[in-house]
Amino acid sequence: MSTSETNPAETSEGQGSSDDDMLLMRRRKHKVAGANEGLNLTAMMDIFTIILVFMIKQYEAAPQNITLSEDLTPPKSTSEAEMVPGVALTISKTSILLDNKLVVTIERGKSVTPAQWAVVAKALADRRDTIIALGDRGGAKFTGDVMVIADGEVPYETLSGALFQAGNEKYTTYRLILQAGGKN
């Protein structure tokens, strides 16, 4: 008596399809109900972080725009040097600003008082400490660069006093910003 029983694993016909069916069954069994098959949030956060770092680096390298007014008209020059970014110390006829934030108001025709210079020094020190803290967290390092944007009629005493305060607060490189269009 011979029986012709066949084992499905031994037959070559349909072997591939039965393995595929078993894998599909296993996958369906292990699927978590309600699993989110949409966007991967971790990958999205990585992409946005990369874009953010790129944008920060681009804006860091871009030269600053300087708005001229009646109180701020830098002297004219024929020089065509590139503007190197740094901390902007603006000295107009009526005020001293640090990175476009008012630090001290100056009365026309009067000198800057020692108390006002102390406020300027504190603002420069705070800005330096902020840049150092950002540098420690991966941002641009503190280089000691300061862009001095001064009105052409600012007294020498005021300009030299601002440079003195910057030097005391570890700013080592001064760049005097001039207006294009001077005579040869």
N, C-alpha and C. Protein backbone atom coordinates (compact mmCIF):
# COMPACT_ATOMS: atom_id res chain seq x y z
N MET A 1 0.82 -1.14 0.00
CA MET A 1 0.00 0.00 0.00
C MET A 1 0.89 1.24 0.00
N SER A 2 0.69 1.89 -0.99
CA SER A 2 1.49 3.10 -1.07
C SER A 2 0.58 4.30 -1.07
N THR A 3 0.94 5.15 -0.27
CA THR A 3 0.16 6.38 -0.19
C THR A 3 0.97 7.50 -0.80
N SER A 4 0.32 8.30 -1.43
CA SER A 4 1.05 9.41 -2.04
C SER A 4 0.73 10.71 -1.30
N GLU A 5 1.23 10.72 -0.13
CA GLU A 5 1.10 11.95 0.65
C GLU A 5 2.31 12.83 0.33
N THR A 6 2.06 14.08 0.16
CA THR A 6 3.15 15.00 -0.15
C THR A 6 3.23 16.07 0.92
N ASN A 7 4.42 16.33 1.23
CA ASN A 7 4.70 17.38 2.21
C ASN A 7 4.84 18.70 1.45
N PRO A 8 4.11 19.77 1.83
CA PRO A 8 4.21 21.01 1.08
C PRO A 8 5.61 21.60 1.09
N ALA A 9 6.39 21.35 2.10
CA ALA A 9 7.74 21.89 2.15
C ALA A 9 8.65 21.20 1.17
N GLU A 10 8.29 19.95 0.75
CA GLU A 10 9.16 19.20 -0.15
C GLU A 10 8.85 19.49 -1.60
N THR A 11 7.72 20.04 -1.90
CA THR A 11 7.38 20.28 -3.30
C THR A 11 8.01 21.59 -3.75
N SER A 12 8.42 21.60 -4.98
CA SER A 12 9.04 22.81 -5.50
C SER A 12 7.97 23.76 -6.01
N GLU A 13 6.80 23.24 -6.34
CA GLU A 13 5.73 24.10 -6.80
C GLU A 13 5.10 24.82 -5.61
N GLY A 14 4.93 26.08 -5.70
CA GLY A 14 4.25 26.85 -4.67
C GLY A 14 5.06 27.12 -3.42
N GLN A 15 6.31 26.68 -3.42
CA GLN A 15 7.11 26.89 -2.21
C GLN A 15 7.33 28.37 -1.96
N GLY A 16 7.64 29.13 -2.99
CA GLY A 16 7.88 30.56 -2.84
C GLY A 16 6.63 31.28 -2.37
N SER A 17 5.49 30.90 -2.89
CA SER A 17 4.27 31.62 -2.52
C SER A 17 3.87 31.30 -1.09
N SER A 18 4.13 30.07 -0.62
CA SER A 18 3.76 29.75 0.76
C SER A 18 4.68 30.47 1.75
N ASP A 19 5.96 30.66 1.41
CA ASP A 19 6.88 31.42 2.27
C ASP A 19 6.47 32.90 2.32
N ASP A 20 6.08 33.43 1.17
CA ASP A 20 5.63 34.82 1.12
C ASP A 20 4.37 35.00 1.96
N ASP A 21 3.48 34.03 1.87
CA ASP A 21 2.24 34.12 2.66
C ASP A 21 2.54 34.10 4.15
N MET A 22 3.49 33.25 4.54
CA MET A 22 3.83 33.16 5.96
C MET A 22 4.46 34.46 6.45
N LEU A 23 5.33 35.06 5.64
CA LEU A 23 5.94 36.33 6.02
C LEU A 23 4.89 37.42 6.15
N LEU A 24 3.95 37.44 5.21
CA LEU A 24 2.87 38.43 5.29
C LEU A 24 2.05 38.25 6.55
N MET A 25 1.78 37.02 6.90
CA MET A 25 1.00 36.74 8.11
C MET A 25 1.75 37.22 9.35
N ARG A 26 3.05 36.97 9.38
CA ARG A 26 3.85 37.41 10.53
C ARG A 26 3.85 38.94 10.65
N ARG A 27 4.00 39.60 9.51
CA ARG A 27 4.01 41.06 9.52
C ARG A 27 2.68 41.62 10.00
N ARG A 28 1.60 41.02 9.55
CA ARG A 28 0.28 41.49 9.97
C ARG A 28 0.07 41.27 11.46
N LYS A 29 0.61 40.17 11.96
CA LYS A 29 0.46 39.85 13.38
C LYS A 29 1.21 40.86 14.25
N HIS A 30 2.40 41.23 13.80
CA HIS A 30 3.26 42.10 14.61
C HIS A 30 2.95 43.58 14.44
N LYS A 31 2.09 43.94 13.50
CA LYS A 31 1.75 45.34 13.29
C LYS A 31 0.98 45.86 14.49
N VAL A 32 1.40 47.01 14.97
CA VAL A 32 0.74 47.62 16.11
C VAL A 32 -0.49 48.34 15.60
N ALA A 33 -1.59 48.16 16.28
CA ALA A 33 -2.83 48.82 15.88
C ALA A 33 -2.67 50.32 16.08
N GLY A 34 -3.04 51.10 15.08
CA GLY A 34 -2.98 52.55 15.19
C GLY A 34 -1.60 53.14 15.02
N ALA A 35 -0.63 52.36 14.52
CA ALA A 35 0.73 52.89 14.32
C ALA A 35 0.71 53.95 13.24
N ASN A 36 1.47 54.99 13.45
CA ASN A 36 1.52 56.09 12.50
C ASN A 36 2.48 55.73 11.38
N GLU A 37 1.97 55.68 10.18
CA GLU A 37 2.81 55.34 9.03
C GLU A 37 3.12 56.59 8.21
N GLY A 38 2.86 57.78 8.77
CA GLY A 38 3.07 59.04 8.05
C GLY A 38 4.50 59.49 8.10
N LEU A 39 4.70 60.77 8.32
CA LEU A 39 6.02 61.37 8.32
C LEU A 39 6.80 60.99 9.58
N ASN A 40 8.09 60.85 9.39
CA ASN A 40 8.97 60.56 10.51
C ASN A 40 9.41 61.89 11.13
N LEU A 41 8.97 62.17 12.33
CA LEU A 41 9.22 63.45 12.99
C LEU A 41 10.71 63.68 13.25
N THR A 42 11.44 62.64 13.59
CA THR A 42 12.87 62.79 13.86
C THR A 42 13.62 63.26 12.61
N ALA A 43 13.30 62.67 11.49
CA ALA A 43 13.96 63.08 10.24
C ALA A 43 13.59 64.51 9.88
N MET A 44 12.35 64.88 10.12
CA MET A 44 11.93 66.26 9.84
C MET A 44 12.68 67.25 10.72
N MET A 45 12.86 66.93 11.99
CA MET A 45 13.59 67.81 12.90
C MET A 45 15.05 67.95 12.45
N ASP A 46 15.65 66.87 11.99
CA ASP A 46 17.02 66.93 11.48
C ASP A 46 17.12 67.87 10.28
N ILE A 47 16.15 67.78 9.38
CA ILE A 47 16.16 68.62 8.18
C ILE A 47 16.03 70.09 8.58
N PHE A 48 15.09 70.40 9.47
CA PHE A 48 14.90 71.78 9.90
C PHE A 48 16.11 72.32 10.65
N THR A 49 16.78 71.49 11.42
CA THR A 49 17.99 71.92 12.13
C THR A 49 19.09 72.27 11.13
N ILE A 50 19.26 71.46 10.11
CA ILE A 50 20.27 71.72 9.09
C ILE A 50 19.97 73.02 8.36
N ILE A 51 18.70 73.24 8.03
CA ILE A 51 18.31 74.48 7.35
C ILE A 51 18.55 75.69 8.25
N LEU A 52 18.22 75.56 9.53
CA LEU A 52 18.41 76.65 10.48
C LEU A 52 19.90 77.02 10.61
N VAL A 53 20.76 76.02 10.73
CA VAL A 53 22.21 76.28 10.83
C VAL A 53 22.71 76.96 9.56
N PHE A 54 22.23 76.51 8.40
CA PHE A 54 22.62 77.11 7.13
C PHE A 54 22.22 78.58 7.08
N MET A 55 20.98 78.88 7.50
CA MET A 55 20.50 80.26 7.46
C MET A 55 21.29 81.15 8.43
N ILE A 56 21.59 80.64 9.61
CA ILE A 56 22.37 81.41 10.58
C ILE A 56 23.75 81.73 10.01
N LYS A 57 24.39 80.77 9.39
CA LYS A 57 25.72 80.99 8.81
C LYS A 57 25.65 82.00 7.67
N GLN A 58 24.59 81.96 6.86
CA GLN A 58 24.45 82.89 5.75
C GLN A 58 24.28 84.32 6.25
N TYR A 59 23.41 84.52 7.25
CA TYR A 59 23.19 85.86 7.78
C TYR A 59 24.39 86.37 8.55
N GLU A 60 25.15 85.48 9.13
CA GLU A 60 26.34 85.88 9.87
C GLU A 60 27.37 86.50 8.92
N ALA A 61 27.46 85.97 7.71
CA ALA A 61 28.46 86.43 6.75
C ALA A 61 27.99 87.65 5.96
N ALA A 62 26.69 87.96 6.00
CA ALA A 62 26.17 89.07 5.23
C ALA A 62 26.54 90.41 5.88
N PRO A 63 26.98 91.38 5.06
CA PRO A 63 27.29 92.69 5.64
C PRO A 63 26.01 93.37 6.13
N GLN A 64 26.16 94.21 7.14
CA GLN A 64 25.01 94.88 7.72
C GLN A 64 24.62 96.09 6.88
N ASN A 65 23.32 96.39 6.92
CA ASN A 65 22.84 97.61 6.28
C ASN A 65 22.89 98.73 7.30
N ILE A 66 23.34 99.87 6.87
CA ILE A 66 23.44 101.02 7.75
C ILE A 66 22.47 102.08 7.24
N THR A 67 21.56 102.48 8.11
CA THR A 67 20.58 103.49 7.75
C THR A 67 21.13 104.87 8.09
N LEU A 68 21.24 105.71 7.09
CA LEU A 68 21.76 107.07 7.28
C LEU A 68 20.61 108.00 7.62
N SER A 69 20.91 109.01 8.44
CA SER A 69 19.91 110.01 8.81
C SER A 69 20.60 111.35 8.97
N GLU A 70 19.85 112.34 9.45
CA GLU A 70 20.46 113.65 9.70
C GLU A 70 21.52 113.57 10.80
N ASP A 71 21.30 112.66 11.76
CA ASP A 71 22.22 112.51 12.89
C ASP A 71 23.39 111.59 12.58
N LEU A 72 23.30 110.84 11.47
CA LEU A 72 24.36 109.88 11.15
C LEU A 72 24.70 109.94 9.67
N THR A 73 25.77 110.60 9.37
CA THR A 73 26.30 110.67 8.02
C THR A 73 27.80 110.43 8.11
N PRO A 74 28.24 109.18 7.89
CA PRO A 74 29.69 108.90 7.98
C PRO A 74 30.48 109.69 6.94
N PRO A 75 31.75 109.94 7.21
CA PRO A 75 32.60 110.64 6.24
C PRO A 75 32.70 109.83 4.95
N LYS A 76 32.92 110.53 3.85
CA LYS A 76 33.02 109.85 2.54
C LYS A 76 34.46 109.41 2.30
N SER A 77 34.58 108.33 1.50
CA SER A 77 35.91 107.78 1.23
C SER A 77 35.92 107.19 -0.18
N THR A 78 37.11 107.08 -0.73
CA THR A 78 37.27 106.43 -2.03
C THR A 78 37.63 104.96 -1.86
N SER A 79 37.82 104.51 -0.66
CA SER A 79 38.20 103.12 -0.39
C SER A 79 37.07 102.18 -0.78
N GLU A 80 37.44 101.01 -1.29
CA GLU A 80 36.44 100.03 -1.71
C GLU A 80 36.63 98.71 -0.97
N ALA A 81 37.04 98.76 0.27
CA ALA A 81 37.26 97.54 1.05
C ALA A 81 35.91 96.91 1.42
N GLU A 82 35.91 95.59 1.55
CA GLU A 82 34.71 94.86 1.96
C GLU A 82 34.40 95.15 3.42
N MET A 83 33.12 95.22 3.74
CA MET A 83 32.71 95.42 5.13
C MET A 83 32.75 94.06 5.84
N VAL A 84 33.52 93.98 6.91
CA VAL A 84 33.65 92.75 7.69
C VAL A 84 32.68 92.84 8.87
N PRO A 85 31.82 91.83 9.04
CA PRO A 85 30.85 91.92 10.14
C PRO A 85 31.52 91.90 11.50
N GLY A 86 30.90 92.59 12.42
CA GLY A 86 31.36 92.65 13.80
C GLY A 86 30.29 93.34 14.63
N VAL A 87 30.59 93.59 15.87
CA VAL A 87 29.67 94.31 16.74
C VAL A 87 29.61 95.75 16.24
N ALA A 88 28.39 96.25 15.98
CA ALA A 88 28.22 97.59 15.43
C ALA A 88 28.08 98.62 16.55
N LEU A 89 29.06 99.50 16.65
CA LEU A 89 29.03 100.61 17.60
C LEU A 89 28.77 101.87 16.80
N THR A 90 27.55 102.39 16.91
CA THR A 90 27.14 103.55 16.12
C THR A 90 27.16 104.80 17.00
N ILE A 91 27.84 105.84 16.51
CA ILE A 91 27.93 107.10 17.24
C ILE A 91 27.37 108.20 16.34
N SER A 92 26.17 108.64 16.66
CA SER A 92 25.56 109.73 15.90
C SER A 92 25.74 111.03 16.67
N LYS A 93 25.17 112.11 16.15
CA LYS A 93 25.27 113.41 16.82
C LYS A 93 24.51 113.42 18.15
N THR A 94 23.50 112.53 18.28
CA THR A 94 22.63 112.59 19.46
C THR A 94 22.59 111.30 20.28
N SER A 95 23.29 110.24 19.84
CA SER A 95 23.19 108.98 20.61
C SER A 95 24.34 108.04 20.29
N ILE A 96 24.50 107.06 21.18
CA ILE A 96 25.43 105.95 20.95
C ILE A 96 24.59 104.69 20.99
N LEU A 97 24.71 103.87 19.94
CA LEU A 97 23.95 102.63 19.82
C LEU A 97 24.91 101.45 19.73
N LEU A 98 24.50 100.32 20.23
CA LEU A 98 25.28 99.10 20.12
C LEU A 98 24.38 98.05 19.47
N ASP A 99 24.77 97.60 18.27
CA ASP A 99 23.95 96.68 17.48
C ASP A 99 22.53 97.21 17.34
N ASN A 100 22.41 98.47 16.98
CA ASN A 100 21.14 99.16 16.72
C ASN A 100 20.24 99.29 17.94
N LYS A 101 20.79 99.15 19.14
CA LYS A 101 20.03 99.36 20.37
C LYS A 101 20.59 100.57 21.08
N LEU A 102 19.71 101.48 21.46
CA LEU A 102 20.13 102.71 22.12
C LEU A 102 20.82 102.41 23.45
N VAL A 103 22.00 102.99 23.63
CA VAL A 103 22.75 102.81 24.87
C VAL A 103 22.76 104.13 25.65
N VAL A 104 23.11 105.22 24.97
CA VAL A 104 23.24 106.53 25.61
C VAL A 104 22.71 107.61 24.67
N THR A 105 22.01 108.58 25.23
CA THR A 105 21.59 109.76 24.47
C THR A 105 22.55 110.90 24.80
N ILE A 106 23.02 111.57 23.75
CA ILE A 106 23.99 112.66 23.91
C ILE A 106 23.28 113.98 23.59
N GLU A 107 23.45 114.95 24.43
CA GLU A 107 22.90 116.28 24.14
C GLU A 107 23.83 116.98 23.15
N ARG A 108 23.24 117.64 22.19
CA ARG A 108 24.04 118.33 21.17
C ARG A 108 24.97 119.36 21.81
N GLY A 109 26.20 119.31 21.40
CA GLY A 109 27.18 120.27 21.88
C GLY A 109 27.78 119.95 23.24
N LYS A 110 27.37 118.85 23.84
CA LYS A 110 27.91 118.49 25.16
C LYS A 110 28.73 117.22 25.06
N SER A 111 29.66 117.06 26.00
CA SER A 111 30.50 115.87 26.05
C SER A 111 29.75 114.72 26.70
N VAL A 112 30.25 113.53 26.44
CA VAL A 112 29.72 112.35 27.08
C VAL A 112 30.27 112.31 28.51
N THR A 113 29.40 112.11 29.48
CA THR A 113 29.82 112.13 30.89
C THR A 113 30.45 110.78 31.27
N PRO A 114 31.23 110.75 32.35
CA PRO A 114 31.79 109.47 32.82
C PRO A 114 30.71 108.43 33.13
N ALA A 115 29.58 108.88 33.66
CA ALA A 115 28.49 107.93 33.95
C ALA A 115 27.95 107.32 32.65
N GLN A 116 27.88 108.11 31.58
CA GLN A 116 27.42 107.59 30.29
C GLN A 116 28.45 106.62 29.71
N TRP A 117 29.74 106.94 29.88
CA TRP A 117 30.77 106.01 29.39
C TRP A 117 30.68 104.68 30.14
N ALA A 118 30.33 104.71 31.42
CA ALA A 118 30.17 103.47 32.18
C ALA A 118 29.03 102.63 31.61
N VAL A 119 27.96 103.29 31.18
CA VAL A 119 26.83 102.57 30.56
C VAL A 119 27.27 101.95 29.23
N VAL A 120 28.05 102.69 28.45
CA VAL A 120 28.56 102.16 27.17
C VAL A 120 29.46 100.95 27.44
N ALA A 121 30.34 101.06 28.43
CA ALA A 121 31.25 99.95 28.76
C ALA A 121 30.47 98.71 29.19
N LYS A 122 29.42 98.90 29.99
CA LYS A 122 28.60 97.76 30.43
C LYS A 122 27.90 97.10 29.24
N ALA A 123 27.37 97.91 28.32
CA ALA A 123 26.71 97.37 27.14
C ALA A 123 27.69 96.56 26.28
N LEU A 124 28.91 97.09 26.10
CA LEU A 124 29.94 96.37 25.33
C LEU A 124 30.31 95.05 26.02
N ALA A 125 30.45 95.07 27.34
CA ALA A 125 30.79 93.86 28.09
C ALA A 125 29.67 92.82 28.00
N ASP A 126 28.43 93.27 28.12
CA ASP A 126 27.29 92.35 28.01
C ASP A 126 27.23 91.71 26.63
N ARG A 127 27.47 92.52 25.59
CA ARG A 127 27.43 91.99 24.22
C ARG A 127 28.58 90.99 24.01
N ARG A 128 29.76 91.31 24.53
CA ARG A 128 30.90 90.38 24.43
C ARG A 128 30.58 89.07 25.13
N ASP A 129 30.00 89.13 26.34
CA ASP A 129 29.66 87.91 27.08
C ASP A 129 28.61 87.08 26.34
N THR A 130 27.68 87.74 25.70
CA THR A 130 26.66 87.03 24.92
C THR A 130 27.29 86.30 23.74
N ILE A 131 28.20 86.97 23.04
CA ILE A 131 28.87 86.35 21.89
C ILE A 131 29.73 85.17 22.36
N ILE A 132 30.41 85.32 23.48
CA ILE A 132 31.23 84.22 24.01
C ILE A 132 30.34 83.03 24.38
N ALA A 133 29.19 83.29 25.02
CA ALA A 133 28.27 82.21 25.39
C ALA A 133 27.72 81.51 24.15
N LEU A 134 27.40 82.26 23.11
CA LEU A 134 26.93 81.65 21.86
C LEU A 134 28.04 80.83 21.21
N GLY A 135 29.27 81.33 21.27
CA GLY A 135 30.41 80.60 20.71
C GLY A 135 30.65 79.27 21.43
N ASP A 136 30.41 79.26 22.74
CA ASP A 136 30.57 78.02 23.51
C ASP A 136 29.51 76.98 23.14
N ARG A 137 28.40 77.44 22.60
CA ARG A 137 27.31 76.54 22.22
C ARG A 137 27.32 76.22 20.73
N GLY A 138 28.39 76.56 20.04
CA GLY A 138 28.51 76.20 18.63
C GLY A 138 28.36 77.36 17.66
N GLY A 139 28.09 78.54 18.15
CA GLY A 139 27.96 79.71 17.27
C GLY A 139 29.31 80.30 16.93
N ALA A 140 29.26 81.48 16.34
CA ALA A 140 30.50 82.16 15.97
C ALA A 140 31.28 82.57 17.22
N LYS A 141 32.56 82.37 17.18
CA LYS A 141 33.43 82.72 18.32
C LYS A 141 33.64 84.23 18.39
N PHE A 142 33.94 84.71 19.58
CA PHE A 142 34.23 86.13 19.79
C PHE A 142 35.60 86.43 19.21
N THR A 143 35.64 87.38 18.27
CA THR A 143 36.91 87.72 17.62
C THR A 143 37.44 89.08 18.05
N GLY A 144 36.62 89.84 18.74
CA GLY A 144 37.05 91.17 19.18
C GLY A 144 36.87 92.23 18.12
N ASP A 145 36.12 91.94 17.05
CA ASP A 145 35.89 92.91 15.99
C ASP A 145 34.76 93.85 16.36
N VAL A 146 34.98 95.15 16.11
CA VAL A 146 33.93 96.14 16.31
C VAL A 146 33.92 97.07 15.10
N MET A 147 32.72 97.27 14.54
CA MET A 147 32.55 98.23 13.45
C MET A 147 32.11 99.55 14.06
N VAL A 148 32.90 100.58 13.89
CA VAL A 148 32.57 101.89 14.43
C VAL A 148 31.97 102.72 13.31
N ILE A 149 30.69 103.03 13.47
CA ILE A 149 29.96 103.82 12.48
C ILE A 149 29.70 105.18 13.14
N ALA A 150 30.45 106.18 12.74
CA ALA A 150 30.36 107.48 13.39
C ALA A 150 30.00 108.56 12.39
N ASP A 151 29.23 109.52 12.86
CA ASP A 151 28.90 110.68 12.05
C ASP A 151 30.18 111.48 11.80
N GLY A 152 30.26 112.13 10.65
CA GLY A 152 31.45 112.90 10.30
C GLY A 152 31.70 114.09 11.21
N GLU A 153 30.66 114.55 11.93
CA GLU A 153 30.81 115.72 12.78
C GLU A 153 30.91 115.37 14.27
N VAL A 154 31.04 114.10 14.59
CA VAL A 154 31.20 113.69 15.99
C VAL A 154 32.56 114.18 16.47
N PRO A 155 32.64 114.81 17.63
CA PRO A 155 33.94 115.28 18.13
C PRO A 155 34.92 114.12 18.34
N TYR A 156 36.19 114.44 18.11
CA TYR A 156 37.24 113.43 18.28
C TYR A 156 37.22 112.84 19.68
N GLU A 157 36.94 113.67 20.67
CA GLU A 157 36.89 113.23 22.07
C GLU A 157 35.86 112.10 22.26
N THR A 158 34.72 112.23 21.61
CA THR A 158 33.67 111.21 21.72
C THR A 158 34.09 109.93 21.00
N LEU A 159 34.64 110.07 19.81
CA LEU A 159 35.09 108.90 19.05
C LEU A 159 36.20 108.16 19.77
N SER A 160 37.20 108.90 20.27
CA SER A 160 38.30 108.24 20.98
C SER A 160 37.83 107.63 22.30
N GLY A 161 36.85 108.26 22.95
CA GLY A 161 36.29 107.69 24.18
C GLY A 161 35.58 106.37 23.91
N ALA A 162 34.86 106.28 22.79
CA ALA A 162 34.18 105.03 22.43
C ALA A 162 35.20 103.93 22.13
N LEU A 163 36.26 104.27 21.41
CA LEU A 163 37.31 103.29 21.12
C LEU A 163 38.01 102.84 22.40
N PHE A 164 38.22 103.76 23.32
CA PHE A 164 38.84 103.43 24.61
C PHE A 164 37.97 102.43 25.38
N GLN A 165 36.66 102.69 25.43
CA GLN A 165 35.75 101.78 26.14
C GLN A 165 35.74 100.40 25.48
N ALA A 166 35.75 100.37 24.15
CA ALA A 166 35.77 99.08 23.43
C ALA A 166 37.06 98.33 23.74
N GLY A 167 38.18 99.04 23.77
CA GLY A 167 39.46 98.40 24.09
C GLY A 167 39.48 97.83 25.49
N ASN A 168 38.90 98.55 26.44
CA ASN A 168 38.83 98.05 27.82
C ASN A 168 37.98 96.79 27.94
N GLU A 169 37.05 96.61 27.02
CA GLU A 169 36.16 95.43 27.07
C GLU A 169 36.61 94.33 26.11
N LYS A 170 37.90 94.32 25.77
CA LYS A 170 38.55 93.27 25.00
C LYS A 170 38.17 93.22 23.52
N TYR A 171 37.72 94.34 22.99
CA TYR A 171 37.53 94.46 21.54
C TYR A 171 38.86 94.93 20.99
N THR A 172 39.44 94.15 20.09
CA THR A 172 40.81 94.42 19.66
C THR A 172 40.94 94.94 18.24
N THR A 173 39.94 94.73 17.41
CA THR A 173 40.03 95.15 16.01
C THR A 173 38.93 96.16 15.74
N TYR A 174 39.32 97.37 15.35
CA TYR A 174 38.36 98.43 15.06
C TYR A 174 38.30 98.64 13.56
N ARG A 175 37.11 98.72 13.04
CA ARG A 175 36.92 99.03 11.63
C ARG A 175 36.02 100.25 11.54
N LEU A 176 36.56 101.34 11.06
CA LEU A 176 35.79 102.57 10.92
C LEU A 176 35.03 102.50 9.59
N ILE A 177 33.72 102.59 9.65
CA ILE A 177 32.89 102.48 8.48
C ILE A 177 32.73 103.86 7.85
N LEU A 178 33.03 103.93 6.55
CA LEU A 178 32.97 105.18 5.82
C LEU A 178 31.94 105.05 4.70
N GLN A 179 31.49 106.18 4.21
CA GLN A 179 30.50 106.21 3.15
C GLN A 179 31.22 106.26 1.80
N ALA A 180 30.75 105.50 0.83
CA ALA A 180 31.35 105.51 -0.52
C ALA A 180 31.03 106.81 -1.21
N GLY A 181 31.90 107.19 -2.13
CA GLY A 181 31.61 108.38 -2.93
C GLY A 181 32.50 109.56 -2.66
N GLY A 182 33.64 109.34 -2.05
CA GLY A 182 34.56 110.44 -1.77
C GLY A 182 35.28 110.88 -3.03
N LYS A 183 35.96 112.01 -2.94
CA LYS A 183 36.72 112.56 -4.07
C LYS A 183 38.13 112.00 -4.07
N ASN A 184 38.68 111.79 -5.27
CA ASN A 184 40.05 111.30 -5.40
C ASN A 184 41.04 112.39 -5.18
